[in-house]
C-alpha atoms as a PDB file:
ATOM      1  CA  MET A   1       0.000   0.000   0.000  1.00  0.00           C
ATOM      2  CA  TYR A   2       2.944   2.301   0.796  1.00  0.00           C
ATOM      3  CA  TYR A   3       4.236   2.085  -2.780  1.00  0.00           C
ATOM      4  CA  VAL A   4       0.778   2.701  -4.235  1.00  0.00           C
ATOM      5  CA  PHE A   5       0.434   5.968  -2.286  1.00  0.00           C
ATOM      6  CA  LEU A   6       4.010   6.903  -3.177  1.00  0.00           C
ATOM      7  CA  ALA A   7       3.282   6.289  -6.870  1.00  0.00           C
ATOM      8  CA  LEU A   8       0.039   8.298  -6.670  1.00  0.00           C
ATOM      9  CA  SER A   9       1.948  11.149  -5.050  1.00  0.00           C
ATOM     10  CA  GLY A  10       4.403  11.070  -7.944  1.00  0.00           C
ATOM     11  CA  ILE A  11       1.607  10.991 -10.512  1.00  0.00           C
ATOM     12  CA  ILE A  12      -0.256  13.931  -9.009  1.00  0.00           C
ATOM     13  CA  SER A  13       2.859  16.056  -8.500  1.00  0.00           C
ATOM     14  CA  GLY A  14       3.999  15.147 -12.025  1.00  0.00           C
ATOM     15  CA  ILE A  15       0.739  16.365 -13.510  1.00  0.00           C
ATOM     16  CA  LEU A  16       0.898  19.606 -11.517  1.00  0.00           C
ATOM     17  CA  GLY A  17       4.574  20.090 -12.381  1.00  0.00           C
ATOM     18  CA  GLY A  18       3.922  19.466 -16.070  1.00  0.00           C
ATOM     19  CA  MET A  19       1.200  22.091 -15.996  1.00  0.00           C
ATOM     20  CA  GLY A  20       3.675  24.558 -14.496  1.00  0.00           C
ATOM     21  CA  MET A  21       1.970  24.716 -11.115  1.00  0.00           C
ATOM     22  CA  GLY A  22       4.809  23.440  -8.984  1.00  0.00           C
ATOM     23  CA  GLY A  23       4.302  19.815  -8.094  1.00  0.00           C
ATOM     24  CA  GLY A  24       6.721  20.284  -5.183  1.00  0.00           C
ATOM     25  CA  THR A  25       4.145  22.226  -3.231  1.00  0.00           C
ATOM     26  CA  LEU A  26       2.284  18.948  -3.024  1.00  0.00           C
ATOM     27  CA  LEU A  27       5.121  16.406  -3.229  1.00  0.00           C
ATOM     28  CA  ILE A  28       7.232  17.752  -0.361  1.00  0.00           C
ATOM     29  CA  PRO A  29       4.373  17.812   2.190  1.00  0.00           C
ATOM     30  CA  LEU A  30       3.265  14.343   1.059  1.00  0.00           C
ATOM     31  CA  LEU A  31       6.771  12.929   1.427  1.00  0.00           C
ATOM     32  CA  THR A  32       7.347  14.524   4.831  1.00  0.00           C
ATOM     33  CA  LEU A  33       3.911  14.157   6.412  1.00  0.00           C
ATOM     34  CA  LEU A  34       2.589  10.963   4.842  1.00  0.00           C
ATOM     35  CA  PHE A  35       5.797   9.017   4.266  1.00  0.00           C
ATOM     36  CA  ASN A  36       7.943  10.424   7.091  1.00  0.00           C
ATOM     37  CA  PHE A  37      10.839  11.496   4.846  1.00  0.00           C
ATOM     38  CA  ASN A  38      13.364  13.959   6.233  1.00  0.00           C
ATOM     39  CA  GLN A  39      12.648  17.494   4.887  1.00  0.00           C
ATOM     40  CA  LYS A  40      16.024  17.756   3.127  1.00  0.00           C
ATOM     41  CA  ILE A  41      15.637  14.311   1.535  1.00  0.00           C
ATOM     42  CA  ALA A  42      12.116  15.249   0.355  1.00  0.00           C
ATOM     43  CA  GLN A  43      13.456  18.460  -1.172  1.00  0.00           C
ATOM     44  CA  GLY A  44      16.202  16.511  -2.939  1.00  0.00           C
ATOM     45  CA  ILE A  45      13.701  14.000  -4.333  1.00  0.00           C
ATOM     46  CA  ASN A  46      11.518  16.902  -5.452  1.00  0.00           C
ATOM     47  CA  LEU A  47      14.455  18.558  -7.226  1.00  0.00           C
ATOM     48  CA  ILE A  48      15.258  15.411  -9.185  1.00  0.00           C
ATOM     49  CA  ALA A  49      11.600  14.866 -10.110  1.00  0.00           C
ATOM     50  CA  PHE A  50      11.151  18.547 -10.957  1.00  0.00           C
ATOM     51  CA  SER A  51      14.218  18.613 -13.204  1.00  0.00           C
ATOM     52  CA  ILE A  52      12.920  15.722 -15.285  1.00  0.00           C
ATOM     53  CA  MET A  53       9.364  17.125 -15.405  1.00  0.00           C
ATOM     54  CA  ALA A  54      10.628  20.604 -16.270  1.00  0.00           C
ATOM     55  CA  ILE A  55      12.671  19.386 -19.232  1.00  0.00           C
ATOM     56  CA  ILE A  56       9.748  17.425 -20.670  1.00  0.00           C
ATOM     57  CA  ALA A  57       7.232  20.221 -20.034  1.00  0.00           C
ATOM     58  CA  LEU A  58       9.611  22.799 -21.520  1.00  0.00           C
ATOM     59  CA  ILE A  59       9.983  20.776 -24.712  1.00  0.00           C
ATOM     60  CA  VAL A  60       6.200  20.544 -25.056  1.00  0.00           C
ATOM     61  CA  HIS A  61       5.685  24.247 -24.335  1.00  0.00           C
ATOM     62  CA  ILE A  62       8.439  25.297 -26.774  1.00  0.00           C
ATOM     63  CA  LYS A  63       6.929  23.017 -29.412  1.00  0.00           C
ATOM     64  CA  ASN A  64       3.552  24.744 -28.866  1.00  0.00           C
ATOM     65  CA  LYS A  65       5.249  28.172 -29.114  1.00  0.00           C
ATOM     66  CA  LEU A  66       4.332  29.104 -25.545  1.00  0.00           C
ATOM     67  CA  VAL A  67       7.852  30.049 -24.439  1.00  0.00           C
ATOM     68  CA  ASP A  68       9.849  33.185 -25.199  1.00  0.00           C
ATOM     69  CA  VAL A  69      13.223  31.417 -25.355  1.00  0.00           C
ATOM     70  CA  LYS A  70      15.297  34.613 -24.955  1.00  0.00           C
ATOM     71  CA  VAL A  71      13.459  35.611 -21.788  1.00  0.00           C
ATOM     72  CA  ALA A  72      13.560  32.028 -20.470  1.00  0.00           C
ATOM     73  CA  LEU A  73      17.345  31.829 -20.974  1.00  0.00           C
ATOM     74  CA  LYS A  74      17.932  35.129 -19.155  1.00  0.00           C
ATOM     75  CA  PHE A  75      15.679  34.056 -16.301  1.00  0.00           C
ATOM     76  CA  GLY A  76      17.217  30.585 -16.271  1.00  0.00           C
ATOM     77  CA  ILE A  77      20.773  31.865 -15.879  1.00  0.00           C
ATOM     78  CA  VAL A  78      19.814  34.031 -12.907  1.00  0.00           C
ATOM     79  CA  ALA A  79      17.715  31.216 -11.412  1.00  0.00           C
ATOM     80  CA  VAL A  80      20.593  28.716 -11.660  1.00  0.00           C
ATOM     81  CA  LEU A  81      22.969  31.106  -9.902  1.00  0.00           C
ATOM     82  CA  PHE A  82      20.545  31.757  -7.068  1.00  0.00           C
ATOM     83  CA  SER A  83      19.541  28.088  -6.796  1.00  0.00           C
ATOM     84  CA  CYS A  84      23.162  27.339  -5.877  1.00  0.00           C
ATOM     85  CA  PHE A  85      22.874  29.914  -3.089  1.00  0.00           C
ATOM     86  CA  GLY A  86      19.512  28.433  -2.011  1.00  0.00           C
ATOM     87  CA  ALA A  87      20.917  24.903  -1.865  1.00  0.00           C
ATOM     88  CA  PHE A  88      23.868  26.124   0.207  1.00  0.00           C
ATOM     89  CA  LEU A  89      21.493  27.976   2.533  1.00  0.00           C
ATOM     90  CA  ALA A  90      19.158  24.960   2.884  1.00  0.00           C
ATOM     91  CA  ASN A  91      22.093  22.797   3.988  1.00  0.00           C
ATOM     92  CA  MET A  92      22.963  25.301   6.701  1.00  0.00           C
ATOM     93  CA  ILE A  93      19.435  25.482   8.150  1.00  0.00           C
ATOM     94  CA  LYS A  94      18.281  22.868  10.665  1.00  0.00           C
ATOM     95  CA  VAL A  95      15.534  20.561   9.384  1.00  0.00           C
ATOM     96  CA  LYS A  96      12.912  21.759  11.879  1.00  0.00           C
ATOM     97  CA  TYR A  97      13.402  25.388  10.787  1.00  0.00           C
ATOM     98  CA  LEU A  98      13.384  24.383   7.127  1.00  0.00           C
ATOM     99  CA  LYS A  99       9.994  22.734   7.681  1.00  0.00           C
ATOM    100  CA  ILE A 100       8.667  25.895   9.312  1.00  0.00           C
ATOM    101  CA  LEU A 101       9.984  28.107   6.489  1.00  0.00           C
ATOM    102  CA  PHE A 102       8.442  25.822   3.872  1.00  0.00           C
ATOM    103  CA  GLY A 103       5.129  25.821   5.752  1.00  0.00           C
ATOM    104  CA  VAL A 104       5.139  29.632   5.943  1.00  0.00           C
ATOM    105  CA  LEU A 105       5.861  29.783   2.199  1.00  0.00           C
ATOM    106  CA  LEU A 106       2.900  27.495   1.490  1.00  0.00           C
ATOM    107  CA  ILE A 107       0.644  29.655   3.666  1.00  0.00           C
ATOM    108  CA  PHE A 108       1.705  32.804   1.792  1.00  0.00           C
ATOM    109  CA  VAL A 109       1.128  31.079  -1.555  1.00  0.00           C
ATOM    110  CA  ALA A 110      -2.322  29.943  -0.412  1.00  0.00           C
ATOM    111  CA  ILE A 111      -3.245  33.459   0.757  1.00  0.00           C
ATOM    112  CA  TYR A 112      -1.986  35.004  -2.483  1.00  0.00           C
ATOM    113  CA  GLN A 113      -3.846  32.471  -4.643  1.00  0.00           C
ATOM    114  CA  THR A 114      -7.043  32.990  -2.630  1.00  0.00           C
ATOM    115  CA  ILE A 115      -6.842  36.781  -3.059  1.00  0.00           C
ATOM    116  CA  GLU A 116      -6.224  36.389  -6.809  1.00  0.00           C
ATOM    117  CA  GLN A 117      -9.225  34.064  -7.159  1.00  0.00           C
ATOM    118  CA  ILE A 118     -11.450  36.497  -5.272  1.00  0.00           C
ATOM    119  CA  LYS A 119     -10.278  39.315  -7.590  1.00  0.00           C
ATOM    120  CA  ASN A 120     -11.043  37.155 -10.641  1.00  0.00           C
ATOM    121  CA  LEU A 121     -14.532  36.348  -9.355  1.00  0.00           C
ATOM    122  CA  GLN A 122     -15.250  40.043  -8.901  1.00  0.00           C
ATOM    123  CA  LYS A 123     -14.453  40.850 -12.557  1.00  0.00           C
END
């Protein structure tokens, strides 16, 4: 049963990641809360899964002419540089604080998304 839930978690986060919605916002909490993975291990698993999903999704989106390649390359270079800093920082932070920071991030994302949906309903 464990592997079935783990596979379902991968499927759902893969679909969300392929749609560009950040499957990690679901995968990391599932791995840590449901499967008792260490926060740093869950983030590492998410990064590997995300990298594969991102490459495939990017190919599809480029093929459908939905990506401005020049802008994506500029953004990508900056993102890679700062991801190195983020990985270094994550290794320095204790796991319990990393969990709290990730939880706070998810709360802010939820609040932001809720406000945006309310704005859209009012239009």
